[in-house]
């Protein structure tokens, strides 16, 4: 275990070794070599920085004095990228010791320009050049043209709609897609606001969904339109398919008086896929198998082909067992009202 005496002894020993190394002939040679290396590097750096270079900087942008009743629906970019050319010493001063102040635009200066304001390249270059040295050459600005769009409180409530594709997993189907909120407020100038019918999400793609899915999605941006909120919480609900069979009677349609359709069998089995949520609620009464008299007259075979004329929207993959059945048309005596008397 170290005590104070041991620490002092190790300190004196280490200090003595360092002093002996620095006072040795090899150390003096190394220090002389290092000195000349530093001097050479300094000359090389000065010569290099005296050359002309090109580089790029970011300059922030600001819009001030926006009235309370005005809603900016398409903002100015937060910054622009400027490419400049100058000697290396000047560019190094920009990078290490100088911060660009935001280029500020006063909203009141553009109120007479309409709801879509465009700021020219020359005006933007003039404001940026004011912060540069006289020797600095401004080569380019990206973006080179600025614009912003505003409205004075014009708004509409729009429903939210999904844009994209959602595919359920095997043996599943999408039972419901929920949006929260189900509508958003859109601010835009009159000419743009009148063309909007819905607020669409950004393109989404979900595959093999087999459980409830909750996802926050940004709304699709439209130039000149501001949505509040600009996002939506989407909930995708899925249900599992199950197979069910019911017996549905065959009914004749548009038969003349005195003619009755008899089929063998009188009921046929209908098999379909339905979600577990609707499994019990779907019954044989939800289906209708009808045979029109005109179809029988035009039939070429001895069998009667069957067709499902009505089925609930919640079922799929419907198929009829024994879709061709035997039949006959039975003639019945029609009793007139006068004959009864």
Protein backbone atom coordinates (compact mmCIF):
# COMPACT_ATOMS: atom_id res chain seq x y z
CA UNK A 1 0.00 0.00 0.00
CA UNK A 2 1.32 3.48 -0.97
CA UNK A 3 1.98 6.09 1.71
CA UNK A 4 3.14 9.71 1.46
CA UNK A 5 6.84 8.78 1.57
CA UNK A 6 6.44 6.31 -1.29
CA UNK A 7 4.57 8.88 -3.43
CA UNK A 8 7.33 11.46 -2.89
CA UNK A 9 10.03 8.93 -3.74
CA UNK A 10 8.31 7.90 -7.02
CA UNK A 11 7.74 11.55 -7.92
CA UNK A 12 11.44 12.44 -7.39
CA UNK A 13 12.49 9.38 -9.37
CA UNK A 14 10.20 10.23 -12.31
CA UNK A 15 11.23 13.90 -12.32
CA UNK A 16 14.92 12.93 -12.29
CA UNK A 17 14.49 10.63 -15.31
CA UNK A 18 12.63 13.29 -17.31
CA UNK A 19 15.28 15.93 -16.47
CA UNK A 20 18.11 13.60 -17.45
CA UNK A 21 16.37 12.84 -20.76
CA UNK A 22 15.86 16.51 -21.59
CA UNK A 23 19.49 17.36 -20.76
CA UNK A 24 20.89 14.48 -22.81
CA UNK A 25 22.43 14.99 -26.25
CA UNK A 26 19.72 12.91 -27.97
CA UNK A 27 17.00 15.06 -26.44
CA UNK A 28 18.65 18.28 -27.66
CA UNK A 29 18.87 16.89 -31.17
CA UNK A 30 15.18 15.91 -31.08
CA UNK A 31 14.10 19.35 -29.81
CA UNK A 32 16.11 21.10 -32.53
CA UNK A 33 14.54 18.85 -35.16
CA UNK A 34 11.06 19.50 -33.77
CA UNK A 35 11.66 23.26 -33.84
CA UNK A 36 12.59 23.24 -37.51
CA UNK A 37 9.59 21.04 -38.30
CA UNK A 38 7.27 23.56 -36.65
CA UNK A 39 8.90 26.47 -38.48
CA UNK A 40 8.57 24.64 -41.80
CA UNK A 41 4.93 23.86 -41.11
CA UNK A 42 4.25 27.52 -40.28
CA UNK A 43 5.81 28.69 -43.58
CA UNK A 44 3.90 26.04 -45.53
CA UNK A 45 0.63 27.04 -43.83
CA UNK A 46 1.12 30.72 -44.59
CA UNK A 47 1.94 29.99 -48.22
CA UNK A 48 -1.03 27.63 -48.55
CA UNK A 49 -3.52 30.04 -46.97
CA UNK A 50 -2.39 32.78 -49.34
CA UNK A 51 -3.85 30.83 -52.28
CA UNK A 52 -7.46 31.33 -53.49
CA UNK A 53 -10.07 28.75 -52.51
CA UNK A 54 -13.78 28.15 -52.77
CA UNK A 55 -15.98 26.99 -49.93
CA UNK A 56 -19.62 26.95 -48.82
CA UNK A 57 -21.30 28.47 -45.76
CA UNK A 58 -24.79 28.46 -44.28
CA UNK A 59 -26.57 31.75 -43.73
CA UNK A 60 -29.77 31.73 -41.59
CA UNK A 61 -32.96 33.49 -42.73
CA UNK A 62 -35.67 35.18 -40.69
CA UNK A 63 -39.08 36.78 -41.39
CA UNK A 64 -40.14 39.40 -38.84
CA UNK A 65 -43.16 41.56 -38.01
CA UNK A 66 -45.75 39.03 -39.17
CA UNK A 67 -49.23 40.26 -38.06
CA UNK A 68 -51.24 38.04 -35.72
CA UNK A 69 -54.06 37.57 -38.25
CA UNK A 70 -51.62 36.30 -40.89
CA UNK A 71 -50.84 32.60 -41.20
CA UNK A 72 -47.70 31.69 -43.14
CA UNK A 73 -48.71 28.59 -45.12
CA UNK A 74 -45.42 28.11 -46.94
CA UNK A 75 -42.42 29.17 -44.88
CA UNK A 76 -39.12 30.63 -45.97
CA UNK A 77 -36.29 28.09 -45.71
CA UNK A 78 -34.43 28.29 -42.44
CA UNK A 79 -31.13 28.91 -44.22
CA UNK A 80 -29.44 29.29 -47.58
CA UNK A 81 -26.10 27.89 -48.72
CA UNK A 82 -23.67 30.39 -50.20
CA UNK A 83 -20.56 29.51 -52.17
CA UNK A 84 -17.76 32.07 -51.91
CA UNK A 85 -14.21 32.51 -53.20
CA UNK A 86 -11.31 34.25 -51.44
CA UNK A 87 -7.84 33.75 -50.02
CA UNK A 88 -7.45 30.97 -47.49
CA UNK A 89 -6.74 33.36 -44.60
CA UNK A 90 -10.06 35.14 -45.16
CA UNK A 91 -12.01 31.88 -45.48
CA UNK A 92 -10.33 30.57 -42.32
CA UNK A 93 -11.49 33.69 -40.51
CA UNK A 94 -15.07 32.94 -41.65
CA UNK A 95 -14.84 29.38 -40.41
CA UNK A 96 -13.16 30.01 -37.06
CA UNK A 97 -13.89 33.49 -35.89
CA UNK A 98 -16.97 34.85 -37.61
CA UNK A 99 -20.65 33.98 -37.39
CA UNK A 100 -23.09 35.07 -40.07
CA UNK A 101 -26.03 37.07 -38.79
CA UNK A 102 -29.52 36.01 -40.00
CA UNK A 103 -30.70 37.73 -43.16
CA UNK A 104 -33.94 39.33 -41.98
CA UNK A 105 -36.93 40.27 -44.14
CA UNK A 106 -39.68 42.56 -42.87
CA UNK A 107 -43.17 41.25 -43.69
CA UNK A 108 -44.57 44.78 -43.96
CA UNK A 109 -42.29 45.44 -46.95
CA UNK A 110 -44.10 42.77 -49.00
CA UNK A 111 -47.76 43.27 -48.06
CA UNK A 112 -48.53 44.84 -51.44
CA UNK A 113 -47.07 41.87 -53.35
CA UNK A 114 -50.07 39.58 -52.81
CA UNK A 115 -50.36 36.34 -50.88
CA UNK A 116 -47.46 34.73 -52.78
CA UNK A 117 -44.31 36.75 -52.11
CA UNK A 118 -41.14 36.17 -54.14
CA UNK A 119 -37.79 37.59 -53.09
CA UNK A 120 -35.45 38.23 -56.00
CA UNK A 121 -31.93 36.86 -56.32
CA UNK A 122 -30.44 40.34 -56.53
CA UNK A 123 -32.04 41.41 -53.25
CA UNK A 124 -30.87 38.24 -51.51
CA UNK A 125 -27.32 38.62 -52.88
CA UNK A 126 -27.17 42.23 -51.74
CA UNK A 127 -28.10 41.35 -48.16
CA UNK A 128 -25.62 38.49 -47.96
CA UNK A 129 -22.78 40.45 -49.57
CA UNK A 130 -23.15 43.09 -46.86
CA UNK A 131 -21.74 40.57 -44.38
CA UNK A 132 -18.78 39.52 -46.54
CA UNK A 133 -15.33 41.07 -46.88
CA UNK A 134 -14.74 43.33 -49.86
CA UNK A 135 -12.30 40.79 -51.31
CA UNK A 136 -14.77 37.89 -51.04
CA UNK A 137 -16.52 36.91 -54.26
CA UNK A 138 -20.05 35.53 -53.96
CA UNK A 139 -20.36 32.70 -56.50
CA UNK A 140 -23.79 31.17 -55.91
CA UNK A 141 -26.72 30.94 -53.54
CA UNK A 142 -28.89 27.84 -53.05
CA UNK A 143 -31.82 28.20 -53.33
CA UNK A 144 -31.32 31.25 -55.51
CA UNK A 145 -34.97 32.40 -55.26
CA UNK A 146 -36.96 32.65 -52.06
CA UNK A 147 -40.72 32.77 -51.65
CA UNK A 148 -43.38 32.43 -48.99
CA UNK A 149 -47.18 32.16 -49.10
CA UNK A 150 -49.61 33.47 -46.51
CA UNK A 151 -53.30 33.88 -45.83
CA UNK A 152 -55.26 36.13 -43.52
CA UNK A 153 -57.19 33.56 -41.52
CA UNK A 154 -58.75 31.69 -44.49
CA UNK A 155 -59.28 28.08 -43.39
CA UNK A 156 -61.32 24.92 -44.05
CA UNK A 157 -61.87 21.71 -42.18
CA UNK A 158 -60.80 18.73 -44.30
CA UNK A 159 -61.14 14.99 -43.72
CA UNK A 160 -57.97 12.89 -43.50
CA UNK A 161 -57.42 10.22 -46.14
CA UNK A 162 -54.82 7.48 -46.39
CA UNK A 163 -52.36 7.49 -49.26
CA UNK A 164 -50.44 4.26 -49.76
CA UNK A 165 -50.94 0.52 -49.50
CA UNK A 166 -51.66 -1.76 -46.56
CA UNK A 167 -51.73 -5.51 -47.11
CA UNK A 168 -52.94 -7.90 -44.40
CA UNK A 169 -51.20 -11.13 -43.48
CA UNK A 170 -52.36 -14.51 -44.66
CA UNK A 171 -55.88 -15.39 -43.45
CA UNK A 172 -56.39 -11.78 -42.28
CA UNK A 173 -58.27 -8.81 -43.68
CA UNK A 174 -58.39 -5.12 -42.82
CA UNK A 175 -61.59 -4.51 -40.89
CA UNK A 176 -61.16 -0.78 -40.21
CA UNK A 177 -58.71 2.11 -40.59
CA UNK A 178 -59.05 4.84 -37.99
CA UNK A 179 -57.68 8.39 -38.12
CA UNK A 180 -57.03 10.53 -35.06
CA UNK A 181 -58.01 13.25 -35.56
CA UNK A 182 -60.35 12.38 -38.42
CA UNK A 183 -60.05 15.92 -39.83
CA UNK A 184 -57.58 18.82 -39.82
CA UNK A 185 -57.71 22.56 -40.39
CA UNK A 186 -56.17 23.75 -43.66
CA UNK A 187 -54.97 27.35 -44.06
CA UNK A 188 -54.34 28.60 -47.60
CA UNK A 189 -55.11 31.51 -49.95
CA UNK A 190 -58.59 31.48 -51.53
CA UNK A 191 -57.47 30.17 -54.91
CA UNK A 192 -55.75 27.18 -53.32
CA UNK A 193 -58.21 26.54 -50.50
CA UNK A 194 -61.15 26.05 -52.87
CA UNK A 195 -59.39 23.17 -54.66
CA UNK A 196 -58.82 21.05 -51.56
CA UNK A 197 -61.14 18.11 -50.83
CA UNK A 198 -59.07 16.15 -48.29
CA UNK A 199 -55.77 16.06 -46.44
CA UNK A 200 -53.76 13.02 -47.56
CA UNK A 201 -51.05 11.29 -45.60
CA UNK A 202 -47.60 10.74 -46.98
CA UNK A 203 -47.21 7.48 -48.88
CA UNK A 204 -47.22 4.54 -46.46
CA UNK A 205 -46.62 0.87 -47.12
CA UNK A 206 -47.35 -1.80 -44.53
CA UNK A 207 -47.15 -5.46 -45.48
CA UNK A 208 -48.35 -8.68 -43.83
CA UNK A 209 -50.23 -6.88 -41.05
CA UNK A 210 -51.59 -9.45 -38.60
CA UNK A 211 -52.21 -7.32 -35.51
CA UNK A 212 -53.53 -3.87 -34.70
CA UNK A 213 -51.08 -1.31 -36.04
CA UNK A 214 -50.68 2.24 -34.71
CA UNK A 215 -48.48 4.66 -36.63
CA UNK A 216 -47.96 8.44 -36.65
CA UNK A 217 -47.71 9.67 -40.23
CA UNK A 218 -46.95 13.13 -41.57
CA UNK A 219 -49.53 14.70 -43.86
CA UNK A 220 -48.55 15.16 -47.50
CA UNK A 221 -47.27 18.69 -47.99
CA UNK A 222 -48.93 20.98 -50.51
CA UNK A 223 -47.22 24.21 -51.48
CA UNK A 224 -49.11 27.14 -50.04
CA UNK A 225 -51.13 25.03 -47.57
CA UNK A 226 -50.58 24.68 -43.85
CA UNK A 227 -52.30 21.83 -42.00
CA UNK A 228 -52.96 21.98 -38.27
CA UNK A 229 -51.95 19.48 -37.07
CA UNK A 230 -49.58 18.44 -39.85
CA UNK A 231 -49.59 14.77 -38.80
CA UNK A 232 -52.11 12.02 -38.10
CA UNK A 233 -52.23 8.94 -35.87
CA UNK A 234 -53.39 6.02 -38.01
CA UNK A 235 -54.79 2.83 -36.47
CA UNK A 236 -55.16 -0.23 -38.69
CA UNK A 237 -57.42 -2.97 -37.32
CA UNK A 238 -57.30 -6.48 -38.75
CA UNK A 239 -59.52 -9.52 -38.26
CA UNK A 240 -58.96 -13.19 -38.99
CA UNK A 241 -60.93 -15.00 -41.66
CA UNK A 242 -62.96 -18.10 -40.84
CA UNK A 243 -64.98 -20.34 -43.13
CA UNK A 244 -68.72 -20.81 -42.69
CA UNK A 245 -71.45 -22.73 -44.56
CA UNK A 246 -75.17 -21.97 -44.65
CA UNK A 247 -78.12 -23.45 -46.58
CA UNK A 248 -79.84 -20.97 -48.88
CA UNK A 249 -83.16 -21.68 -50.68
CA UNK A 250 -83.38 -21.36 -54.47
CA UNK A 251 -86.08 -18.84 -55.50
CA UNK A 252 -87.71 -18.36 -58.90
CA UNK A 253 -87.88 -14.82 -60.29
CA UNK A 254 -90.36 -13.33 -62.79
CA UNK A 255 -92.26 -16.58 -63.37
CA UNK A 256 -95.62 -16.24 -65.18
CA UNK A 257 -98.81 -16.84 -63.27
CA UNK A 258 -99.45 -20.55 -62.86
CA UNK A 259 -95.80 -21.57 -63.27
CA UNK A 260 -93.76 -22.56 -60.21
CA UNK A 261 -90.08 -23.52 -60.05
CA UNK A 262 -89.18 -26.73 -58.25
CA UNK A 263 -85.49 -27.48 -57.68
CA UNK A 264 -83.80 -30.61 -56.41
CA UNK A 265 -82.57 -29.92 -53.81
CA UNK A 266 -84.65 -26.92 -52.78
CA UNK A 267 -81.75 -25.52 -50.75
CA UNK A 268 -78.05 -25.45 -51.58
CA UNK A 269 -75.03 -25.05 -49.36
CA UNK A 270 -73.10 -21.78 -49.66
CA UNK A 271 -69.58 -21.64 -48.22
CA UNK A 272 -67.73 -18.36 -47.70
CA UNK A 273 -65.02 -16.65 -45.68
CA UNK A 274 -65.99 -14.16 -43.00
CA UNK A 275 -64.15 -12.37 -40.21
CA UNK A 276 -64.50 -13.65 -36.68
CA UNK A 277 -66.16 -10.38 -35.71
CA UNK A 278 -69.07 -11.04 -38.10
CA UNK A 279 -69.08 -14.83 -37.92
CA UNK A 280 -72.28 -15.15 -35.87
CA UNK A 281 -74.14 -12.23 -37.45
CA UNK A 282 -73.98 -13.54 -41.04
CA UNK A 283 -76.84 -16.02 -41.71
CA UNK A 284 -78.57 -17.66 -44.67
CA UNK A 285 -81.06 -14.77 -44.79
CA UNK A 286 -78.24 -12.47 -45.92
CA UNK A 287 -77.91 -14.39 -49.21
CA UNK A 288 -80.30 -14.63 -52.15
CA UNK A 289 -80.06 -17.22 -54.92
CA UNK A 290 -82.56 -16.38 -57.62
CA UNK A 291 -83.28 -18.00 -60.98
CA UNK A 292 -85.02 -15.84 -63.57
CA UNK A 293 -87.64 -17.43 -65.86
CA UNK A 294 -85.92 -15.89 -68.89
CA UNK A 295 -82.65 -17.61 -67.98
CA UNK A 296 -84.39 -21.00 -67.83
CA UNK A 297 -85.93 -20.47 -71.26
CA UNK A 298 -82.49 -19.69 -72.70
CA UNK A 299 -80.72 -22.54 -70.90
CA UNK A 300 -79.25 -25.18 -73.18
CA UNK A 301 -78.49 -27.96 -70.69
CA UNK A 302 -80.72 -30.04 -68.47
CA UNK A 303 -79.14 -28.71 -65.31
CA UNK A 304 -79.98 -25.35 -63.81
CA UNK A 305 -76.91 -23.08 -63.13
CA UNK A 306 -77.22 -21.10 -59.93
CA UNK A 307 -76.07 -17.55 -59.23
CA UNK A 308 -75.83 -15.61 -55.99
CA UNK A 309 -77.64 -12.33 -56.52
CA UNK A 310 -77.18 -10.86 -53.07
CA UNK A 311 -74.48 -11.32 -50.41
CA UNK A 312 -73.24 -9.19 -47.48
CA UNK A 313 -70.17 -7.02 -47.98
CA UNK A 314 -68.39 -8.62 -45.02
CA UNK A 315 -67.90 -11.99 -46.77
CA UNK A 316 -65.56 -13.12 -49.53
CA UNK A 317 -64.57 -16.19 -51.55
CA UNK A 318 -68.20 -17.29 -51.90
CA UNK A 319 -68.84 -20.62 -53.57
CA UNK A 320 -71.97 -22.76 -54.08
CA UNK A 321 -71.78 -26.48 -53.56
CA UNK A 322 -73.55 -28.27 -56.42
CA UNK A 323 -73.97 -25.10 -58.43
CA UNK A 324 -75.83 -27.05 -61.16
CA UNK A 325 -79.04 -28.72 -59.94
CA UNK A 326 -82.05 -30.50 -61.37
CA UNK A 327 -85.32 -28.65 -61.75
CA UNK A 328 -88.77 -28.68 -63.22
CA UNK A 329 -91.40 -26.06 -63.89
CA UNK A 330 -94.70 -27.02 -62.37
CA UNK A 331 -97.91 -25.84 -64.03
CA UNK A 332 -100.64 -24.84 -61.62
CA UNK A 333 -104.27 -24.01 -62.35
CA UNK A 334 -104.97 -20.30 -62.04
CA UNK A 335 -108.45 -19.63 -60.67
CA UNK A 336 -109.98 -16.36 -61.84
CA UNK A 337 -112.03 -14.23 -59.44
CA UNK A 338 -115.20 -14.75 -61.53
CA UNK A 339 -114.82 -18.55 -61.46
CA UNK A 340 -114.86 -18.57 -57.64
CA UNK A 341 -118.42 -17.32 -57.64
